[in-house]
Every structure is written in C-alpha cells, then in structure tokens.
Amino acid sequence: MSMISERLWAMRPVDEEAFKTAVREYYAIAHPGFRVIRAAYPYIYIQDERGLYR
C-alpha cells in the first residue's frame, strides 16, 4: 500500500483516465519497479515487480 497527494485524488472525479495516467507516471518516477494494482481512497495498492524475492 502507498498513498498519493490530494492533488492527484482531486483528478479522479473529473477525469478518470487522466487520474490513472498521472498515478502510473508518479509511480514510474517515485517508485520504479512497482505496478499500480488499484486505487481506493486514500490508498494506492501496488505490487513489487523488481524481482528481488523470486
């Protein structure tokens, strides 16, 4: 689990696709190797895909 800023959450009701794109871009920069699974306010559920524990 992780969290994002209220600025990103404010995008969700206005434009769902823009919200998804912004969240994926955020995690690509801030947490490389993690994939966004789903969003349920206030949490973003992510999956570690770095392959460290395989």
C-alpha atoms as a PDB file:
ATOM      1  CA  MET A   1       0.000   0.000   0.000  1.00  0.00           C
ATOM      2  CA  SER A   2       1.038   3.536  -0.636  1.00  0.00           C
ATOM      3  CA  MET A   3      -0.505   6.986  -0.735  1.00  0.00           C
ATOM      4  CA  ILE A   4      -0.576   9.911  -3.164  1.00  0.00           C
ATOM      5  CA  SER A   5      -1.257  13.623  -2.855  1.00  0.00           C
ATOM      6  CA  GLU A   6      -4.706  15.151  -2.620  1.00  0.00           C
ATOM      7  CA  ARG A   7      -3.933  16.971  -5.898  1.00  0.00           C
ATOM      8  CA  LEU A   8      -3.907  13.624  -7.715  1.00  0.00           C
ATOM      9  CA  TRP A   9      -7.015  12.376  -5.911  1.00  0.00           C
ATOM     10  CA  ALA A  10      -8.858  15.554  -6.967  1.00  0.00           C
ATOM     11  CA  MET A  11      -8.376  14.494 -10.594  1.00  0.00           C
ATOM     12  CA  ARG A  12     -10.292  11.232 -10.168  1.00  0.00           C
ATOM     13  CA  PRO A  13     -13.893  12.504 -10.251  1.00  0.00           C
ATOM     14  CA  VAL A  14     -13.112  14.950 -13.065  1.00  0.00           C
ATOM     15  CA  ASP A  15     -11.250  12.650 -15.466  1.00  0.00           C
ATOM     16  CA  GLU A  16     -10.701   9.010 -14.514  1.00  0.00           C
ATOM     17  CA  GLU A  17      -8.312   8.281 -17.390  1.00  0.00           C
ATOM     18  CA  ALA A  18      -6.152  11.327 -16.610  1.00  0.00           C
ATOM     19  CA  PHE A  19      -6.065  10.194 -12.967  1.00  0.00           C
ATOM     20  CA  LYS A  20      -4.885   6.695 -13.935  1.00  0.00           C
ATOM     21  CA  THR A  21      -2.221   8.094 -16.237  1.00  0.00           C
ATOM     22  CA  ALA A  22      -0.968  10.548 -13.602  1.00  0.00           C
ATOM     23  CA  VAL A  23      -0.769   7.840 -10.924  1.00  0.00           C
ATOM     24  CA  ARG A  24       1.143   5.470 -13.215  1.00  0.00           C
ATOM     25  CA  GLU A  25       3.548   8.257 -14.166  1.00  0.00           C
ATOM     26  CA  TYR A  26       4.053   9.158 -10.497  1.00  0.00           C
ATOM     27  CA  TYR A  27       4.941   5.579  -9.567  1.00  0.00           C
ATOM     28  CA  ALA A  28       7.217   5.152 -12.583  1.00  0.00           C
ATOM     29  CA  ILE A  29       9.314   8.047 -11.260  1.00  0.00           C
ATOM     30  CA  ALA A  30       8.894   7.828  -7.477  1.00  0.00           C
ATOM     31  CA  HIS A  31       8.825   4.020  -7.093  1.00  0.00           C
ATOM     32  CA  PRO A  32      10.314   2.324 -10.158  1.00  0.00           C
ATOM     33  CA  GLY A  33       9.619  -1.378 -10.293  1.00  0.00           C
ATOM     34  CA  PHE A  34       6.197  -1.130  -8.668  1.00  0.00           C
ATOM     35  CA  ARG A  35       2.957  -1.591 -10.584  1.00  0.00           C
ATOM     36  CA  VAL A  36      -0.297   0.081  -9.550  1.00  0.00           C
ATOM     37  CA  ILE A  37      -2.961  -2.547  -8.869  1.00  0.00           C
ATOM     38  CA  ARG A  38      -5.903  -0.387  -7.782  1.00  0.00           C
ATOM     39  CA  ALA A  39      -6.874   2.837  -6.098  1.00  0.00           C
ATOM     40  CA  ALA A  40      -9.197   3.054  -3.100  1.00  0.00           C
ATOM     41  CA  TYR A  41      -9.050   6.389  -1.312  1.00  0.00           C
ATOM     42  CA  PRO A  42      -6.741   7.122   0.477  1.00  0.00           C
ATOM     43  CA  TYR A  43      -4.587   4.168  -0.592  1.00  0.00           C
ATOM     44  CA  ILE A  44      -2.946   3.058  -3.792  1.00  0.00           C
ATOM     45  CA  TYR A  45      -2.333  -0.679  -3.887  1.00  0.00           C
ATOM     46  CA  ILE A  46       0.923  -1.523  -5.593  1.00  0.00           C
ATOM     47  CA  GLN A  47       2.817  -4.683  -6.486  1.00  0.00           C
ATOM     48  CA  ASP A  48       6.589  -5.072  -6.303  1.00  0.00           C
ATOM     49  CA  GLU A  49       7.802  -6.296  -9.684  1.00  0.00           C
ATOM     50  CA  ARG A  50      11.520  -5.735  -9.168  1.00  0.00           C
ATOM     51  CA  GLY A  51      12.164  -9.462  -8.917  1.00  0.00           C
ATOM     52  CA  LEU A  52      14.200  -9.216  -5.707  1.00  0.00           C
ATOM     53  CA  TYR A  53      12.408 -12.015  -3.896  1.00  0.00           C
ATOM     54  CA  ARG A  54      11.869 -14.560  -6.643  1.00  0.00           C
END
